Amino acid sequence: MKTLRFRLSLVLVLALSMSLGIGKALADGAAIDFESPTYSTGTVHLQDGWSSAGAAGSGCAVYDHAVATNIYGYTSFGGQSLRMSNAVTSGCFGDQTFSKSLTDDAGESTSSDAYNGGLSGGTRQSYFEAQWDFASTVPGSEQAGLSVVASADRGDGARMSWVQMTDTPAGLEVNFFDYQISANPPTGDFVFTNVASGLDRTVTHRIKIAMFFVDGAENDIVKVYVDGALMHTGTSWEDYFRQNQPPGTRTVDSVLFRTGGTAAPATAGNGFLIDNLTLFSGPGPECTFTTVGTTMTLNGDCVTDTTIFVPNGFTLDGDGYSITAIDPTGGHFLGAVVKNGGTTTHVTNLTVTASNLANVCDGGDDRLRGILFDGAGGSITNNTVVDINQGASGCQEGNGIEVRNAPFDNTGTDLAVTISGNTVANYQKNGITANGSVAATITNNVVTGVGPVNYIAQNGIQIGFGGTAVIKNNTASGNNYTPTSFVACGVLYFQADGVKASMNTRFDNERDQCNFGKGGGNYNPSP
């Protein structure tokens, strides 16, 4: 198959003609398989937009990087692949091997501080994805010291990520470096993560990096997948550039494949094969679902700038993927990230998060929540709800999980909701909230606040305003408000209609339990 360049429109497609109403967005992509006649064996330099000056003899060193005939038996690699070893290394960047570039670069917006240095351009996108397969040319034994690093780049070595492929006695490994301010405040440092180890060197493996660029510091998201599984979520190198090479961060439109550090001369003529490379830039993957019966399954990690509604009677199965809330262009995110669209809803196996939302206080339906059931029964199980916040905000919103139903006293008919097996952390106001005419079973959840803080009084689990609940085997911690004007609680009862609590763990809270009306110690659903 020849090299393919494509431009496409992303359209939200949901089986059975279900649409969430998100519009079209222009995107750019390329697919590269190193096959003839587009590619010839030998140096890849100046072939189909690639650059590899060093391997061509015009750089700091003559690297062992070349398009090679596939004699290794990997059928998915076709007849030719890019072969790379670190038999020769250097500290240089611009003469190493760069993929062809996309027309549209990715990075923080043009109104932010991302610089392309005249090396990339087109329409600035907020999402970049690169995927490739790699395999050992010596599947029967270790190639000691073998290492090749791939980085999202703009064509000059201004790397915004770092993913290493290496060989070890235990098998192939994938490693990751990102740059985190929290690692060494206030300027930050690089953080190393072993993403995958012990990979079988006799088969091919697939790596994907998905980069979400968000305006502002310390908030880019980078996800690293190996063989289709999400193995690590980190961040980019945005703050490395801000702290060490100001004034701002950088854009990306290609992948740099580099061999630096300690050379491994014995790998000459061997090393890794790289093939089936795809590049993509766009506005961020929209949330798409495959629906079978009444189960809508999320197809992959995605971003949204508006609430995603689950139709009446349906189950949203996240399948281990994430939905990230971002601010829309010219505005700010309003309401819940995921919300019921009828009177019965189920949400399971989903990660819900938010990234760099504007610190704007809202009320009513526009208040920020992660998962919200308003007037609905059902279940919220085995989810991860993190970072539902607007930064260090005092706005009384940002609940991780909230279930509510009118009337908000003990006179209504309660709707039954199960909230179980969830991890809720770094919320703004409450971790789990059950208010009004609800009968909640809240079990086996881990709820972690960010305290001690001086800007908002958090609560781990709240039952209030006529709600009744069973609370069992939960852990609530880190809810601590330092001023004395209000109190933060691990578990808060406020005008509840009966709560049966047992075997819960509470620690590092300002108060582990606050009772402003528990309504007795019995579970009291009505009718």
Protein backbone atom coordinates (compact mmCIF):
# COMPACT_ATOMS: atom_id res chain seq x y z
CA MET A 1 0.00 0.00 0.00
CA LYS A 2 1.36 3.41 -0.89
CA THR A 3 1.76 6.29 1.51
CA LEU A 4 -1.58 7.93 2.09
CA ARG A 5 -2.30 11.52 3.02
CA PHE A 6 -5.84 12.36 3.86
CA ARG A 7 -8.01 15.18 5.11
CA LEU A 8 -11.29 14.35 6.67
CA SER A 9 -14.23 15.65 8.62
CA LEU A 10 -14.90 14.04 11.96
CA VAL A 11 -18.60 13.45 12.39
CA LEU A 12 -20.03 12.09 15.57
CA VAL A 13 -21.52 8.74 14.62
CA LEU A 14 -23.62 6.73 17.03
CA ALA A 15 -25.16 3.41 16.05
CA LEU A 16 -28.94 3.38 15.59
CA SER A 17 -28.71 7.00 14.39
CA MET A 18 -28.20 8.39 17.90
CA SER A 19 -26.47 11.76 17.81
CA LEU A 20 -25.11 13.91 20.60
CA GLY A 21 -25.21 17.00 18.44
CA ILE A 22 -21.52 17.76 18.21
CA GLY A 23 -20.60 19.41 14.94
CA LYS A 24 -18.01 18.63 12.30
CA ALA A 25 -14.34 19.51 12.73
CA LEU A 26 -11.58 19.66 10.14
CA ALA A 27 -8.64 17.34 10.74
CA ASP A 28 -5.41 16.25 9.05
CA GLY A 29 -3.66 12.90 8.90
CA ALA A 30 -1.08 10.74 7.17
CA ALA A 31 -0.36 7.02 7.01
CA ILE A 32 3.08 5.62 6.15
CA ASP A 33 4.02 2.02 5.43
CA PHE A 34 7.48 2.47 3.78
CA GLU A 35 6.49 0.40 0.76
CA SER A 36 7.81 0.70 -2.79
CA PRO A 37 7.51 2.68 -5.02
CA THR A 38 7.02 5.62 -2.64
CA TYR A 39 9.98 4.46 -0.55
CA SER A 40 13.25 2.88 -1.67
CA THR A 41 15.66 0.92 0.49
CA GLY A 42 18.52 2.94 1.97
CA THR A 43 18.42 6.25 3.77
CA VAL A 44 14.93 7.68 4.19
CA HIS A 45 16.33 11.20 3.87
CA LEU A 46 14.27 13.33 1.45
CA GLN A 47 11.90 10.47 0.67
CA ASP A 48 8.24 11.54 0.79
CA GLY A 49 8.94 14.46 3.11
CA TRP A 50 11.15 12.63 5.59
CA SER A 51 14.43 14.05 6.87
CA SER A 52 17.39 11.98 8.07
CA ALA A 53 20.45 14.08 7.31
CA GLY A 54 22.83 12.26 9.63
CA ALA A 55 22.13 8.85 8.16
CA ALA A 56 22.66 10.41 4.73
CA GLY A 57 26.12 11.60 5.76
CA SER A 58 25.32 15.28 6.31
CA GLY A 59 25.05 15.54 10.09
CA CYS A 60 26.82 15.08 13.38
CA ALA A 61 27.18 11.32 12.80
CA VAL A 62 26.23 8.66 10.28
CA TYR A 63 23.37 6.96 12.09
CA ASP A 64 22.22 3.43 11.43
CA HIS A 65 18.75 4.50 10.21
CA ALA A 66 17.47 3.20 6.86
CA VAL A 67 14.54 1.75 4.96
CA ALA A 68 15.26 -1.98 4.81
CA THR A 69 13.81 -5.05 3.15
CA ASN A 70 11.67 -7.00 5.61
CA ILE A 71 13.45 -10.34 5.85
CA TYR A 72 12.27 -10.92 9.41
CA GLY A 73 8.92 -12.60 8.84
CA TYR A 74 6.60 -9.89 10.17
CA THR A 75 3.79 -10.15 7.65
CA SER A 76 1.99 -7.01 8.82
CA PHE A 77 5.09 -5.00 7.90
CA GLY A 78 4.87 -5.78 4.20
CA GLY A 79 8.02 -5.76 2.09
CA GLN A 80 9.87 -2.81 3.64
CA SER A 81 10.22 -1.10 7.02
CA LEU A 82 12.25 1.63 8.65
CA ARG A 83 15.12 -0.06 10.50
CA MET A 84 16.92 1.77 13.31
CA SER A 85 19.65 0.91 15.80
CA ASN A 86 21.67 2.99 18.21
CA ALA A 87 24.97 1.58 17.04
CA VAL A 88 25.84 5.23 16.40
CA THR A 89 24.53 8.04 18.60
CA SER A 90 25.11 11.74 19.16
CA GLY A 91 23.78 14.64 21.19
CA CYS A 92 22.41 16.30 18.06
CA PHE A 93 18.76 16.58 17.09
CA GLY A 94 18.19 18.27 13.75
CA ASP A 95 20.12 15.63 11.78
CA GLN A 96 18.20 12.67 13.19
CA THR A 97 15.19 10.99 11.55
CA PHE A 98 12.01 13.06 11.24
CA SER A 99 8.78 11.81 9.72
CA LYS A 100 6.91 13.76 7.08
CA SER A 101 4.90 16.64 8.55
CA LEU A 102 1.18 17.19 8.73
CA THR A 103 -0.27 20.26 7.08
CA ASP A 104 -1.99 21.31 10.32
CA ASP A 105 0.16 21.47 13.43
CA ALA A 106 -1.10 20.84 16.95
CA GLY A 107 -0.46 22.70 20.16
CA GLU A 108 -1.97 25.26 22.41
CA SER A 109 -3.99 27.91 20.61
CA THR A 110 -2.45 30.72 18.58
CA SER A 111 -3.73 33.11 21.26
CA SER A 112 -1.72 31.19 23.88
CA ASP A 113 2.08 30.83 24.00
CA ALA A 114 2.77 27.91 21.64
CA TYR A 115 5.43 28.77 19.06
CA ASN A 116 6.01 27.00 15.77
CA GLY A 117 9.29 28.73 14.94
CA GLY A 118 8.19 28.87 11.32
CA LEU A 119 8.60 25.10 11.13
CA SER A 120 4.95 24.06 11.30
CA GLY A 121 1.72 25.76 10.37
CA GLY A 122 -1.70 25.29 8.83
CA THR A 123 -4.76 25.46 11.07
CA ARG A 124 -3.73 25.05 14.71
CA GLN A 125 -5.31 21.96 16.26
CA SER A 126 -5.62 20.96 19.92
CA TYR A 127 -4.98 17.23 19.51
CA PHE A 128 -2.12 15.17 18.07
CA GLU A 129 -1.93 11.42 17.73
CA ALA A 130 0.87 9.20 16.49
CA GLN A 131 0.78 5.43 16.25
CA TRP A 132 3.36 2.96 15.01
CA ASP A 133 4.34 -0.70 15.22
CA PHE A 134 7.80 -1.86 16.23
CA ALA A 135 9.57 -5.20 16.33
CA SER A 136 13.01 -6.61 17.01
CA THR A 137 15.20 -7.66 14.10
CA VAL A 138 16.73 -10.31 16.39
CA PRO A 139 13.64 -11.98 17.85
CA GLY A 140 15.59 -14.88 19.29
CA SER A 141 17.78 -12.95 21.71
CA GLU A 142 18.35 -9.66 23.49
CA GLN A 143 20.10 -6.83 21.66
CA ALA A 144 21.88 -5.44 24.69
CA GLY A 145 21.64 -1.67 25.03
CA LEU A 146 19.27 -1.21 22.10
CA SER A 147 17.25 2.00 22.43
CA VAL A 148 15.25 4.19 20.04
CA VAL A 149 13.23 7.19 21.23
CA ALA A 150 10.17 8.64 19.47
CA SER A 151 8.95 12.17 20.18
CA ALA A 152 6.18 14.41 18.91
CA ASP A 153 8.06 17.29 17.30
CA ARG A 154 7.87 20.20 14.86
CA GLY A 155 10.90 19.15 12.81
CA ASP A 156 13.85 20.58 14.72
CA GLY A 157 14.13 18.53 17.92
CA ALA A 158 11.89 20.76 20.06
CA ARG A 159 10.33 17.64 21.52
CA MET A 160 6.99 17.74 23.30
CA SER A 161 7.03 14.09 24.39
CA TRP A 162 9.44 11.18 24.84
CA VAL A 163 8.67 7.48 24.34
CA GLN A 164 11.50 4.96 24.42
CA MET A 165 11.61 1.51 22.88
CA THR A 166 14.37 -0.61 24.38
CA ASP A 167 15.51 -4.23 24.71
CA THR A 168 16.25 -5.82 28.08
CA PRO A 169 17.03 -9.34 29.33
CA ALA A 170 13.36 -9.72 30.29
CA GLY A 171 12.04 -8.61 26.90
CA LEU A 172 11.18 -5.37 25.14
CA GLU A 173 10.26 -2.29 27.17
CA VAL A 174 8.41 0.98 26.59
CA ASN A 175 9.33 3.95 28.78
CA PHE A 176 8.09 7.53 29.06
CA PHE A 177 9.46 10.87 30.26
CA ASP A 178 7.26 13.87 30.93
CA TYR A 179 7.95 17.19 32.67
CA GLN A 180 6.07 17.99 35.86
CA ILE A 181 6.25 21.16 37.93
CA SER A 182 5.18 19.14 40.97
CA ALA A 183 8.33 17.02 40.70
CA ASN A 184 10.52 19.95 41.78
CA PRO A 185 8.54 23.14 42.46
CA PRO A 186 8.53 25.83 41.29
CA THR A 187 10.46 25.06 38.10
CA GLY A 188 9.75 21.34 37.68
CA ASP A 189 11.72 18.35 36.48
CA PHE A 190 11.51 15.33 34.21
CA VAL A 191 9.68 12.25 35.53
CA PHE A 192 10.48 8.76 34.23
CA THR A 193 7.80 6.07 33.96
CA ASN A 194 8.19 2.46 32.86
CA VAL A 195 5.07 2.01 30.73
CA ALA A 196 5.41 -1.63 29.70
CA SER A 197 8.03 -4.34 30.23
CA GLY A 198 8.58 -7.97 29.43
CA LEU A 199 7.10 -7.62 25.95
CA ASP A 200 7.58 -10.62 23.68
CA ARG A 201 10.40 -9.81 21.25
CA THR A 202 9.19 -12.40 18.71
CA VAL A 203 6.06 -10.43 17.76
CA THR A 204 5.20 -6.89 16.72
CA HIS A 205 3.96 -4.33 19.24
CA ARG A 206 1.95 -1.17 18.75
CA ILE A 207 2.50 2.17 20.49
CA LYS A 208 0.10 5.09 20.38
CA ILE A 209 0.54 8.51 21.95
CA ALA A 210 -2.48 10.79 22.22
CA MET A 211 -1.73 14.41 23.13
CA PHE A 212 -4.39 16.86 24.30
CA PHE A 213 -3.09 20.44 24.24
CA VAL A 214 -4.85 22.78 26.66
CA ASP A 215 -4.14 26.50 26.95
CA GLY A 216 -2.29 27.36 30.15
CA ALA A 217 0.40 25.73 32.26
CA GLU A 218 0.53 22.23 33.78
CA ASN A 219 -2.53 20.86 32.01
CA ASP A 220 -1.64 19.11 28.75
CA ILE A 221 -2.65 15.45 28.74
CA VAL A 222 -0.59 12.69 27.12
CA LYS A 223 -1.87 9.12 27.02
CA VAL A 224 0.43 6.24 26.11
CA TYR A 225 -1.04 3.00 24.76
CA VAL A 226 0.77 -0.27 24.17
CA ASP A 227 -0.89 -2.99 22.11
CA GLY A 228 -4.22 -1.22 22.36
CA ALA A 229 -4.25 -0.80 26.14
CA LEU A 230 -3.94 2.54 27.92
CA MET A 231 -0.81 2.09 30.02
CA HIS A 232 -0.05 5.59 31.30
CA THR A 233 -1.49 9.08 31.46
CA GLY A 234 0.99 11.90 31.89
CA THR A 235 1.66 15.33 30.52
CA SER A 236 3.73 16.99 27.81
CA TRP A 237 6.95 18.97 27.92
CA GLU A 238 5.08 22.27 27.79
CA ASP A 239 6.47 23.53 31.10
CA TYR A 240 10.03 22.47 30.28
CA PHE A 241 10.03 25.08 27.55
CA ARG A 242 8.31 27.71 29.68
CA GLN A 243 10.81 27.22 32.50
CA ASN A 244 14.00 26.52 30.55
CA GLN A 245 13.55 27.86 27.02
CA PRO A 246 11.04 30.71 27.34
CA PRO A 247 8.92 32.48 26.36
CA GLY A 248 6.52 29.60 25.63
CA THR A 249 5.77 26.03 24.67
CA ARG A 250 6.04 24.41 21.21
CA THR A 251 3.89 22.93 18.46
CA VAL A 252 4.06 19.47 16.87
CA ASP A 253 3.35 18.13 13.38
CA SER A 254 5.60 15.07 13.03
CA VAL A 255 7.54 12.39 14.91
CA LEU A 256 11.27 12.46 15.62
CA PHE A 257 12.90 9.02 15.81
CA ARG A 258 16.21 9.54 17.58
CA THR A 259 19.20 7.55 18.79
CA GLY A 260 21.09 9.42 21.49
CA GLY A 261 22.85 8.58 24.74
CA THR A 262 25.07 5.53 25.07
CA ALA A 263 25.78 3.79 21.78
CA ALA A 264 25.36 0.02 21.36
CA PRO A 265 27.75 -0.80 18.48
CA ALA A 266 26.79 -4.48 18.45
CA THR A 267 23.31 -3.55 17.21
CA ALA A 268 24.66 -2.24 13.87
CA GLY A 269 22.62 -3.55 10.96
CA ASN A 270 19.92 -4.79 13.31
CA GLY A 271 17.92 -2.89 15.92
CA PHE A 272 14.19 -2.21 15.67
CA LEU A 273 11.84 -2.14 12.73
CA ILE A 274 9.32 0.73 12.63
CA ASP A 275 6.24 0.43 10.42
CA ASN A 276 2.56 1.31 9.94
CA LEU A 277 3.06 4.86 11.20
CA THR A 278 0.00 7.09 11.32
CA LEU A 279 -0.15 10.76 12.24
CA PHE A 280 -3.24 12.78 13.04
CA SER A 281 -4.03 16.31 14.15
CA GLY A 282 -7.49 17.62 14.87
CA PRO A 283 -9.69 19.37 17.41
CA GLY A 284 -9.55 16.43 19.79
CA PRO A 285 -11.35 13.14 19.39
CA GLU A 286 -15.07 13.62 19.74
CA CYS A 287 -17.05 11.25 21.89
CA THR A 288 -18.47 8.45 19.77
CA PHE A 289 -20.32 5.37 20.89
CA THR A 290 -21.29 1.99 19.54
CA THR A 291 -24.80 1.07 20.63
CA VAL A 292 -26.15 -2.46 20.91
CA GLY A 293 -29.60 -2.69 22.40
CA THR A 294 -29.67 -0.25 25.29
CA THR A 295 -25.90 -0.21 25.92
CA MET A 296 -23.84 2.62 24.42
CA THR A 297 -20.13 1.82 24.60
CA LEU A 298 -17.55 4.59 24.37
CA ASN A 299 -15.22 3.98 21.41
CA GLY A 300 -12.14 5.71 22.83
CA ASP A 301 -10.79 8.55 24.92
CA CYS A 302 -12.47 11.80 23.93
CA VAL A 303 -13.07 15.43 24.81
CA THR A 304 -16.31 17.35 25.03
CA ASP A 305 -17.26 20.98 25.55
CA THR A 306 -20.88 20.18 26.32
CA THR A 307 -22.86 17.73 28.44
CA ILE A 308 -23.20 14.15 27.19
CA PHE A 309 -26.70 12.81 27.86
CA VAL A 310 -27.46 9.13 28.37
CA PRO A 311 -30.88 8.30 26.88
CA ASN A 312 -33.64 6.97 29.07
CA GLY A 313 -33.15 3.34 30.04
CA PHE A 314 -29.64 3.18 28.59
CA THR A 315 -26.29 2.12 30.03
CA LEU A 316 -23.19 4.14 29.20
CA ASP A 317 -20.28 1.67 29.27
CA GLY A 318 -17.00 3.57 29.19
CA ASP A 319 -15.05 0.40 28.35
CA GLY A 320 -12.14 1.85 30.34
CA TYR A 321 -11.92 5.04 28.27
CA SER A 322 -12.17 8.65 29.40
CA ILE A 323 -14.34 11.69 28.70
CA THR A 324 -12.55 14.98 29.34
CA ALA A 325 -14.49 18.23 29.70
CA ILE A 326 -12.94 21.35 28.19
CA ASP A 327 -14.15 24.91 27.77
CA PRO A 328 -15.82 25.70 24.44
CA THR A 329 -14.34 28.40 22.24
CA GLY A 330 -15.40 31.78 23.53
CA GLY A 331 -17.13 30.43 26.63
CA HIS A 332 -16.83 28.06 29.58
CA PHE A 333 -18.10 24.59 30.31
CA LEU A 334 -21.62 24.51 31.75
CA GLY A 335 -23.34 21.76 33.72
CA ALA A 336 -22.48 18.09 34.11
CA VAL A 337 -20.01 16.18 31.97
CA VAL A 338 -22.34 13.13 31.87
CA LYS A 339 -26.04 13.37 32.73
CA ASN A 340 -29.17 11.26 32.57
CA GLY A 341 -31.55 11.87 29.69
CA GLY A 342 -34.53 10.16 31.32
CA THR A 343 -35.71 8.54 34.53
CA THR A 344 -33.45 5.46 34.46
CA THR A 345 -29.72 5.55 33.69
CA HIS A 346 -26.63 3.42 34.30
CA VAL A 347 -22.99 4.56 33.97
CA THR A 348 -20.13 2.11 34.38
CA ASN A 349 -16.42 1.57 33.65
CA LEU A 350 -15.85 5.20 32.65
CA THR A 351 -13.30 7.87 33.53
CA VAL A 352 -14.74 11.38 33.74
CA THR A 353 -12.38 14.31 34.10
CA ALA A 354 -11.96 18.00 33.27
CA SER A 355 -9.00 20.01 32.04
CA ASN A 356 -8.22 23.66 32.83
CA LEU A 357 -11.80 24.86 33.10
CA ALA A 358 -12.37 28.58 33.55
CA ASN A 359 -12.99 29.70 37.13
CA VAL A 360 -16.53 31.03 36.61
CA CYS A 361 -19.24 30.42 39.21
CA ASP A 362 -22.56 29.07 37.95
CA GLY A 363 -25.81 28.06 39.60
CA GLY A 364 -28.68 25.68 38.97
CA ASP A 365 -28.34 23.32 36.04
CA ASP A 366 -25.12 25.07 34.97
CA ARG A 367 -23.21 24.01 38.07
CA LEU A 368 -20.24 21.79 37.29
CA ARG A 369 -20.56 18.07 38.04
CA GLY A 370 -18.83 14.94 36.79
CA ILE A 371 -21.71 12.44 36.68
CA LEU A 372 -25.17 13.80 37.48
CA PHE A 373 -28.46 11.94 37.89
CA ASP A 374 -31.23 14.54 38.24
CA GLY A 375 -34.63 12.88 38.63
CA ALA A 376 -33.29 9.46 37.67
CA GLY A 377 -32.72 6.11 39.32
CA GLY A 378 -30.18 3.53 38.24
CA SER A 379 -26.52 2.88 38.98
CA ILE A 380 -23.10 4.54 38.89
CA THR A 381 -20.51 1.80 39.24
CA ASN A 382 -16.78 1.19 38.77
CA ASN A 383 -16.01 4.65 37.42
CA THR A 384 -13.10 7.02 37.99
CA VAL A 385 -14.13 10.65 38.43
CA VAL A 386 -11.16 12.99 38.85
CA ASP A 387 -10.29 16.67 38.46
CA ILE A 388 -13.85 17.94 38.35
CA ASN A 389 -12.76 21.43 39.29
CA GLN A 390 -12.03 24.93 38.04
CA GLY A 391 -8.63 25.15 39.64
CA ALA A 392 -8.28 26.59 43.14
CA SER A 393 -11.84 27.85 43.04
CA GLY A 394 -14.26 28.81 45.78
CA CYS A 395 -17.30 28.31 43.51
CA GLN A 396 -19.80 26.02 45.23
CA GLU A 397 -19.90 23.46 42.43
CA GLY A 398 -17.65 20.75 41.03
CA ASN A 399 -19.23 17.66 42.58
CA GLY A 400 -17.69 14.40 41.38
CA ILE A 401 -20.88 12.29 41.49
CA GLU A 402 -24.26 13.79 42.32
CA VAL A 403 -27.71 12.21 42.46
CA ARG A 404 -30.69 14.42 43.19
CA ASN A 405 -34.48 14.38 42.90
CA ALA A 406 -37.21 16.81 43.88
CA PRO A 407 -38.78 17.49 46.29
CA PHE A 408 -35.86 18.19 48.58
CA ASP A 409 -37.46 17.08 51.83
CA ASN A 410 -38.78 13.76 53.12
CA THR A 411 -42.17 13.97 51.41
CA GLY A 412 -41.37 12.71 47.92
CA THR A 413 -41.12 9.29 46.31
CA ASP A 414 -37.51 8.19 46.44
CA LEU A 415 -35.65 7.02 43.35
CA ALA A 416 -33.21 4.17 43.99
CA VAL A 417 -29.59 4.71 42.94
CA THR A 418 -26.57 2.45 43.49
CA ILE A 419 -23.19 4.19 43.70
CA SER A 420 -20.51 1.54 44.07
CA GLY A 421 -16.87 0.82 43.30
CA ASN A 422 -16.01 4.33 42.15
CA THR A 423 -12.82 6.34 42.66
CA VAL A 424 -13.51 10.05 43.12
CA ALA A 425 -10.66 12.52 43.65
CA ASN A 426 -9.57 16.13 43.22
CA TYR A 427 -13.15 17.40 43.12
CA GLN A 428 -13.99 21.00 43.81
CA LYS A 429 -16.84 20.80 46.34
CA ASN A 430 -18.17 17.28 47.10
CA GLY A 431 -17.02 13.83 46.12
CA ILE A 432 -20.38 12.00 46.23
CA THR A 433 -23.68 13.80 46.88
CA ALA A 434 -27.19 12.38 47.34
CA ASN A 435 -29.81 15.10 47.85
CA GLY A 436 -33.60 15.11 47.88
CA SER A 437 -35.96 12.24 47.17
CA VAL A 438 -33.33 9.58 46.55
CA ALA A 439 -32.63 6.23 48.18
CA ALA A 440 -28.91 5.70 47.64
CA THR A 441 -26.80 2.61 48.22
CA ILE A 442 -23.24 3.94 48.47
CA THR A 443 -20.65 1.18 48.86
CA ASN A 444 -16.98 0.45 48.21
CA ASN A 445 -16.05 3.91 46.94
CA VAL A 446 -12.75 5.73 47.50
CA VAL A 447 -13.28 9.48 47.86
CA THR A 448 -10.23 11.73 48.23
CA GLY A 449 -10.27 15.50 48.65
CA VAL A 450 -7.39 17.93 48.13
CA GLY A 451 -7.20 19.39 51.64
CA PRO A 452 -5.98 21.09 53.59
CA VAL A 453 -7.00 24.09 51.47
CA ASN A 454 -8.09 27.63 52.24
CA TYR A 455 -10.45 28.33 49.35
CA ILE A 456 -13.34 25.84 49.69
CA ALA A 457 -14.83 23.52 52.34
CA GLN A 458 -15.01 20.12 50.69
CA ASN A 459 -17.09 17.14 51.74
CA GLY A 460 -16.35 13.55 50.85
CA ILE A 461 -19.86 12.03 50.96
CA GLN A 462 -23.00 14.10 51.56
CA ILE A 463 -26.55 12.87 52.24
CA GLY A 464 -29.03 15.71 52.53
CA PHE A 465 -32.36 17.41 52.05
CA GLY A 466 -34.55 14.37 52.57
CA GLY A 467 -32.25 11.77 51.05
CA THR A 468 -31.83 8.34 52.62
CA ALA A 469 -28.86 6.03 52.15
CA VAL A 470 -26.90 2.94 53.05
CA ILE A 471 -23.21 3.88 53.31
CA LYS A 472 -20.84 0.94 53.69
CA ASN A 473 -17.17 0.10 53.07
CA ASN A 474 -16.25 3.54 51.72
CA THR A 475 -13.04 5.49 52.29
CA ALA A 476 -13.27 9.28 52.64
CA SER A 477 -10.17 11.40 53.23
CA GLY A 478 -8.49 14.72 52.52
CA ASN A 479 -11.43 17.03 53.17
CA ASN A 480 -9.91 19.82 55.24
CA TYR A 481 -10.72 23.55 55.16
CA THR A 482 -8.18 25.65 57.03
CA PRO A 483 -10.27 28.76 57.87
CA THR A 484 -12.57 28.41 60.88
CA SER A 485 -15.62 29.99 59.23
CA PHE A 486 -16.85 26.69 57.76
CA VAL A 487 -16.06 23.03 58.28
CA ALA A 488 -15.08 20.31 55.82
CA CYS A 489 -16.39 16.81 56.45
CA GLY A 490 -15.42 13.30 55.47
CA VAL A 491 -19.12 12.36 55.66
CA LEU A 492 -21.84 15.02 55.96
CA TYR A 493 -25.48 14.48 56.96
CA PHE A 494 -27.73 17.51 56.46
CA GLN A 495 -31.47 17.20 57.00
CA ALA A 496 -31.33 13.60 55.78
CA ASP A 497 -34.16 11.07 56.09
CA GLY A 498 -32.24 8.18 57.60
CA VAL A 499 -28.73 6.86 56.98
CA LYS A 500 -27.44 3.39 57.80
CA ALA A 501 -23.64 3.64 57.90
CA SER A 502 -21.11 0.90 58.67
CA MET A 503 -17.52 -0.17 58.05
CA ASN A 504 -16.44 3.16 56.51
CA THR A 505 -12.87 4.49 56.77
CA ARG A 506 -12.37 8.21 57.31
CA PHE A 507 -9.10 10.05 57.89
CA ASP A 508 -7.26 13.32 57.25
CA ASN A 509 -10.53 15.23 57.25
CA GLU A 510 -11.20 18.38 59.24
CA ARG A 511 -14.06 16.39 60.76
CA ASP A 512 -14.56 12.76 59.86
CA GLN A 513 -18.32 13.02 60.33
CA CYS A 514 -20.65 16.03 60.50
CA ASN A 515 -24.23 15.40 61.63
CA PHE A 516 -26.63 18.25 60.90
CA GLY A 517 -29.64 15.98 60.74
CA LYS A 518 -29.10 12.31 59.96
CA GLY A 519 -32.75 11.36 60.29
CA GLY A 520 -31.91 8.32 62.37
CA GLY A 521 -29.79 5.26 61.71
CA ASN A 522 -32.14 3.37 59.41
CA TYR A 523 -32.40 3.23 55.64
CA ASN A 524 -35.82 4.72 54.97
CA PRO A 525 -36.82 4.60 51.28
CA SER A 526 -40.25 5.96 50.42
CA PRO A 527 -42.57 4.44 49.58
